[in-house]
């Protein structure tokens, strides 16, 4: 068969020559209708608002104008109802978050909007992070309309903040990639807490997590044995850990959460 999409499997039977057996191409599982609808709606919104967003950026529009476009995105792209699921100027101990997002009457996230040309930074996160901690909310969204960042907050001392999502609508990613990421902020996905799974996977493979694994007893012992096998040199576990810390791993990866 000459099907370019088919996969091949090598089978060896007794003493005969290996035979290539062609297996049928795998068919991707169909998405649930609600998910397909959410993804198509998001795709349509990104297309619809790309020019208005570019225009806002070109004239360095103020935060108020940026917020108007973000509101339209939240409704038309993410599927949120502006009257029942979005609360503007959400009051938190005398201060105000730009938006509180509610689903099934439960406050699940705060969203902070910055001027369209703003480069989102840690200082912007700290502002809305305080609101979330005071209200016991675990999700925070920062956006300039162009860039969308989603953070998960794990309470305690110290507070742990993990970046779960970072999308640049002016970036080089394809439309499919942008839709695949922003889909997690749609009403349908948020209600099913799919973003929790995304965050947990990213946290498990974060630089700090990987650094911790590299310095674990099992991995260090395996490295010592492999170095001995390949180089003939004997190195202690402590020396390997020291070298990893000083020459291989970035300093920010070594901080203990």
Protein backbone atom coordinates (compact mmCIF):
# COMPACT_ATOMS: atom_id res chain seq x y z
CA UNK A 1 0.00 0.00 0.00
CA UNK A 2 1.18 3.54 -0.70
CA UNK A 3 -0.97 5.37 1.82
CA UNK A 4 1.29 8.17 3.09
CA UNK A 5 -0.70 8.39 6.32
CA UNK A 6 -0.41 4.71 7.13
CA UNK A 7 1.97 3.52 9.84
CA UNK A 8 4.22 0.46 9.53
CA UNK A 9 5.07 -2.19 12.05
CA UNK A 10 8.06 -4.53 11.90
CA UNK A 11 7.14 -8.17 12.56
CA UNK A 12 9.63 -11.03 12.83
CA UNK A 13 8.23 -14.58 12.60
CA UNK A 14 10.45 -17.60 13.31
CA UNK A 15 13.52 -17.60 11.02
CA UNK A 16 11.91 -15.87 8.05
CA UNK A 17 12.90 -12.42 6.83
CA UNK A 18 11.18 -9.53 8.56
CA UNK A 19 7.93 -8.51 6.92
CA UNK A 20 6.51 -4.99 6.84
CA UNK A 21 2.84 -5.07 7.71
CA UNK A 22 0.84 -1.92 7.10
CA UNK A 23 -1.66 -0.89 9.75
CA UNK A 24 -4.61 1.36 8.95
CA UNK A 25 -4.21 5.07 9.76
CA UNK A 26 -5.54 6.09 13.14
CA UNK A 27 -8.67 8.21 13.12
CA UNK A 28 -8.67 11.11 15.58
CA UNK A 29 -11.49 10.99 18.10
CA UNK A 30 -14.23 13.49 17.39
CA UNK A 31 -14.48 16.41 19.80
CA UNK A 32 -17.64 16.82 21.86
CA UNK A 33 -20.03 19.24 20.20
CA UNK A 34 -19.73 21.78 23.02
CA UNK A 35 -15.95 21.85 22.63
CA UNK A 36 -16.10 22.24 18.86
CA UNK A 37 -18.53 25.13 19.29
CA UNK A 38 -16.25 26.82 21.86
CA UNK A 39 -13.18 26.46 19.67
CA UNK A 40 -14.94 27.79 16.57
CA UNK A 41 -16.31 30.73 18.53
CA UNK A 42 -12.84 31.56 19.81
CA UNK A 43 -11.36 31.28 16.32
CA UNK A 44 -14.01 33.63 14.97
CA UNK A 45 -13.38 36.17 17.74
CA UNK A 46 -9.61 36.20 17.17
CA UNK A 47 -10.19 36.86 13.48
CA UNK A 48 -12.85 39.50 14.12
CA UNK A 49 -10.87 41.50 16.67
CA UNK A 50 -7.41 41.21 15.11
CA UNK A 51 -7.76 44.44 13.09
CA UNK A 52 -9.41 46.52 15.86
CA UNK A 53 -6.69 45.28 18.21
CA UNK A 54 -3.97 46.25 15.73
CA UNK A 55 -5.56 49.68 15.35
CA UNK A 56 -5.61 50.19 19.13
CA UNK A 57 -1.96 49.17 19.32
CA UNK A 58 -0.97 51.50 16.45
CA UNK A 59 -2.46 54.54 18.20
CA UNK A 60 -1.32 53.46 21.68
CA UNK A 61 -4.89 53.47 22.94
CA UNK A 62 -5.52 54.05 26.63
CA UNK A 63 -6.56 51.45 29.17
CA UNK A 64 -10.23 52.35 28.93
CA UNK A 65 -10.36 51.73 25.18
CA UNK A 66 -8.41 48.50 25.65
CA UNK A 67 -10.95 47.38 28.22
CA UNK A 68 -13.82 47.88 25.78
CA UNK A 69 -12.22 45.48 23.30
CA UNK A 70 -11.37 42.99 26.05
CA UNK A 71 -15.00 43.00 27.19
CA UNK A 72 -16.13 42.15 23.66
CA UNK A 73 -13.54 39.36 23.52
CA UNK A 74 -14.72 37.95 26.84
CA UNK A 75 -18.29 37.82 25.58
CA UNK A 76 -17.89 36.88 21.92
CA UNK A 77 -14.78 34.72 22.21
CA UNK A 78 -14.87 33.22 25.67
CA UNK A 79 -18.66 32.97 25.80
CA UNK A 80 -19.13 34.81 29.10
CA UNK A 81 -22.35 36.67 29.84
CA UNK A 82 -21.53 40.29 30.63
CA UNK A 83 -24.52 40.66 32.96
CA UNK A 84 -24.30 37.49 35.05
CA UNK A 85 -20.72 36.23 34.76
CA UNK A 86 -18.64 39.42 34.60
CA UNK A 87 -18.40 41.95 37.41
CA UNK A 88 -16.51 45.12 36.51
CA UNK A 89 -14.66 47.12 39.18
CA UNK A 90 -14.88 44.23 41.63
CA UNK A 91 -14.34 45.73 45.08
CA UNK A 92 -11.71 44.09 47.28
CA UNK A 93 -10.97 45.80 50.60
CA UNK A 94 -11.33 49.33 49.28
CA UNK A 95 -9.60 48.64 45.95
CA UNK A 96 -10.98 47.44 42.65
CA UNK A 97 -10.09 44.60 40.30
CA UNK A 98 -11.03 45.26 36.68
CA UNK A 99 -13.16 42.11 36.42
CA UNK A 100 -14.35 39.32 38.61
CA UNK A 101 -15.39 36.21 36.67
CA UNK A 102 -18.21 34.09 38.08
CA UNK A 103 -19.46 30.72 36.88
CA UNK A 104 -22.50 29.15 38.51
CA UNK A 105 -22.43 32.09 40.94
CA UNK A 106 -18.93 31.19 42.15
CA UNK A 107 -16.08 33.69 41.83
CA UNK A 108 -13.35 31.75 40.01
CA UNK A 109 -10.92 34.37 38.70
CA UNK A 110 -9.85 38.00 38.65
CA UNK A 111 -8.90 39.65 35.38
CA UNK A 112 -6.77 42.77 35.14
CA UNK A 113 -6.55 44.79 31.92
CA UNK A 114 -3.56 46.95 31.02
CA UNK A 115 -3.04 49.44 28.20
CA UNK A 116 -2.75 47.66 24.86
CA UNK A 117 0.93 48.50 24.37
CA UNK A 118 1.92 47.54 27.93
CA UNK A 119 4.51 44.83 28.40
CA UNK A 120 3.01 42.75 31.17
CA UNK A 121 5.37 42.45 34.14
CA UNK A 122 5.60 41.16 37.69
CA UNK A 123 4.35 44.46 39.13
CA UNK A 124 1.05 44.04 37.26
CA UNK A 125 0.68 40.53 38.60
CA UNK A 126 1.35 41.61 42.19
CA UNK A 127 -1.49 44.09 42.03
CA UNK A 128 -4.19 41.59 41.09
CA UNK A 129 -2.50 38.79 43.06
CA UNK A 130 -3.33 40.65 46.26
CA UNK A 131 -6.99 40.82 45.29
CA UNK A 132 -7.08 37.07 44.64
CA UNK A 133 -5.40 36.18 47.95
CA UNK A 134 -7.84 38.37 49.91
CA UNK A 135 -10.84 36.72 48.22
CA UNK A 136 -9.52 33.16 48.20
CA UNK A 137 -9.46 33.01 44.38
CA UNK A 138 -6.91 30.69 42.76
CA UNK A 139 -6.86 32.02 39.17
CA UNK A 140 -5.61 35.37 37.92
CA UNK A 141 -5.68 36.62 34.33
CA UNK A 142 -3.55 39.50 33.04
CA UNK A 143 -4.12 40.93 29.59
CA UNK A 144 -3.27 43.86 27.37
CA UNK A 145 -5.69 42.54 24.77
CA UNK A 146 -2.65 41.41 22.81
CA UNK A 147 -1.02 39.20 25.44
CA UNK A 148 -3.07 36.94 27.71
CA UNK A 149 -1.42 35.41 30.77
CA UNK A 150 -3.06 33.07 33.26
CA UNK A 151 -1.60 32.35 36.69
CA UNK A 152 -2.54 29.82 39.35
CA UNK A 153 -2.16 30.77 43.00
CA UNK A 154 -1.55 28.15 45.66
CA UNK A 155 -2.16 29.61 49.10
CA UNK A 156 0.20 29.28 52.04
CA UNK A 157 3.54 30.67 53.13
CA UNK A 158 5.13 31.30 50.82
CA UNK A 159 2.44 31.85 48.22
CA UNK A 160 3.17 29.82 45.08
CA UNK A 161 2.36 31.44 41.74
CA UNK A 162 2.58 29.36 38.55
CA UNK A 163 2.23 30.61 34.99
CA UNK A 164 -0.29 28.27 33.33
CA UNK A 165 -0.87 30.06 30.03
CA UNK A 166 0.86 32.76 27.97
CA UNK A 167 -0.59 33.71 24.57
CA UNK A 168 0.51 36.55 22.27
CA UNK A 169 -2.09 37.29 19.60
CA UNK A 170 0.56 39.19 17.64
CA UNK A 171 3.06 36.36 18.04
CA UNK A 172 4.29 33.87 15.46
CA UNK A 173 2.11 31.00 16.60
CA UNK A 174 -0.47 29.71 14.14
CA UNK A 175 -4.17 30.41 14.49
CA UNK A 176 -4.71 26.82 15.61
CA UNK A 177 -2.11 27.17 18.36
CA UNK A 178 -3.65 30.42 19.61
CA UNK A 179 -7.13 28.91 19.62
CA UNK A 180 -5.87 25.78 21.38
CA UNK A 181 -4.49 27.91 24.21
CA UNK A 182 -7.22 30.52 24.60
CA UNK A 183 -9.80 27.72 24.48
CA UNK A 184 -8.91 26.99 28.11
CA UNK A 185 -10.40 30.38 29.05
CA UNK A 186 -13.74 29.70 27.40
CA UNK A 187 -16.77 29.30 29.62
CA UNK A 188 -17.18 25.68 28.55
CA UNK A 189 -13.61 24.73 29.44
CA UNK A 190 -13.52 26.71 32.69
CA UNK A 191 -16.70 25.01 33.91
CA UNK A 192 -15.01 21.64 33.40
CA UNK A 193 -11.81 22.84 35.09
CA UNK A 194 -9.67 21.72 32.16
CA UNK A 195 -7.21 24.50 32.91
CA UNK A 196 -6.42 22.73 36.20
CA UNK A 197 -5.04 19.78 34.24
CA UNK A 198 -3.03 22.13 32.01
CA UNK A 199 -1.55 23.91 35.04
CA UNK A 200 -0.67 20.66 36.81
CA UNK A 201 1.12 19.33 33.71
CA UNK A 202 3.09 22.57 33.28
CA UNK A 203 3.99 22.66 36.95
CA UNK A 204 5.22 19.06 36.81
CA UNK A 205 7.58 19.92 33.94
CA UNK A 206 8.58 23.40 35.07
CA UNK A 207 12.31 24.29 35.22
CA UNK A 208 12.22 24.04 39.02
CA UNK A 209 10.57 20.62 38.93
CA UNK A 210 13.05 19.33 36.37
CA UNK A 211 15.96 20.75 38.38
CA UNK A 212 14.67 18.94 41.47
CA UNK A 213 14.51 15.65 39.56
CA UNK A 214 18.02 16.12 38.18
CA UNK A 215 19.37 16.55 41.71
CA UNK A 216 17.43 13.62 43.19
CA UNK A 217 19.38 10.74 44.72
CA UNK A 218 18.29 8.26 42.05
CA UNK A 219 19.30 10.46 39.10
CA UNK A 220 22.59 11.61 40.67
CA UNK A 221 23.54 7.99 41.39
CA UNK A 222 22.72 7.01 37.80
CA UNK A 223 24.82 9.93 36.52
CA UNK A 224 27.78 8.91 38.69
CA UNK A 225 27.66 5.35 37.35
CA UNK A 226 27.33 6.51 33.74
CA UNK A 227 30.26 8.92 34.12
CA UNK A 228 32.35 6.09 35.49
CA UNK A 229 31.33 3.82 32.59
CA UNK A 230 31.93 6.35 29.82
CA UNK A 231 34.95 8.25 31.16
CA UNK A 232 36.54 5.91 33.66
CA UNK A 233 36.56 8.74 36.21
CA UNK A 234 35.13 8.43 39.72
CA UNK A 235 33.05 11.36 40.94
CA UNK A 236 31.08 11.54 44.19
CA UNK A 237 27.36 12.26 44.35
CA UNK A 238 28.05 15.49 46.24
CA UNK A 239 30.43 16.66 43.54
CA UNK A 240 27.84 15.98 40.83
CA UNK A 241 25.21 17.98 42.72
CA UNK A 242 27.67 20.85 43.20
CA UNK A 243 28.51 20.91 39.49
CA UNK A 244 24.83 20.80 38.52
CA UNK A 245 24.11 23.74 40.79
CA UNK A 246 27.10 25.81 39.70
CA UNK A 247 27.52 25.02 36.00
CA UNK A 248 24.39 23.45 34.54
CA UNK A 249 21.23 24.75 36.21
CA UNK A 250 20.07 28.37 36.14
CA UNK A 251 20.04 30.02 39.61
CA UNK A 252 16.28 30.70 39.43
CA UNK A 253 15.67 26.96 39.02
CA UNK A 254 17.30 26.19 42.34
CA UNK A 255 14.92 28.16 44.54
CA UNK A 256 12.91 25.91 46.83
CA UNK A 257 9.16 26.46 46.73
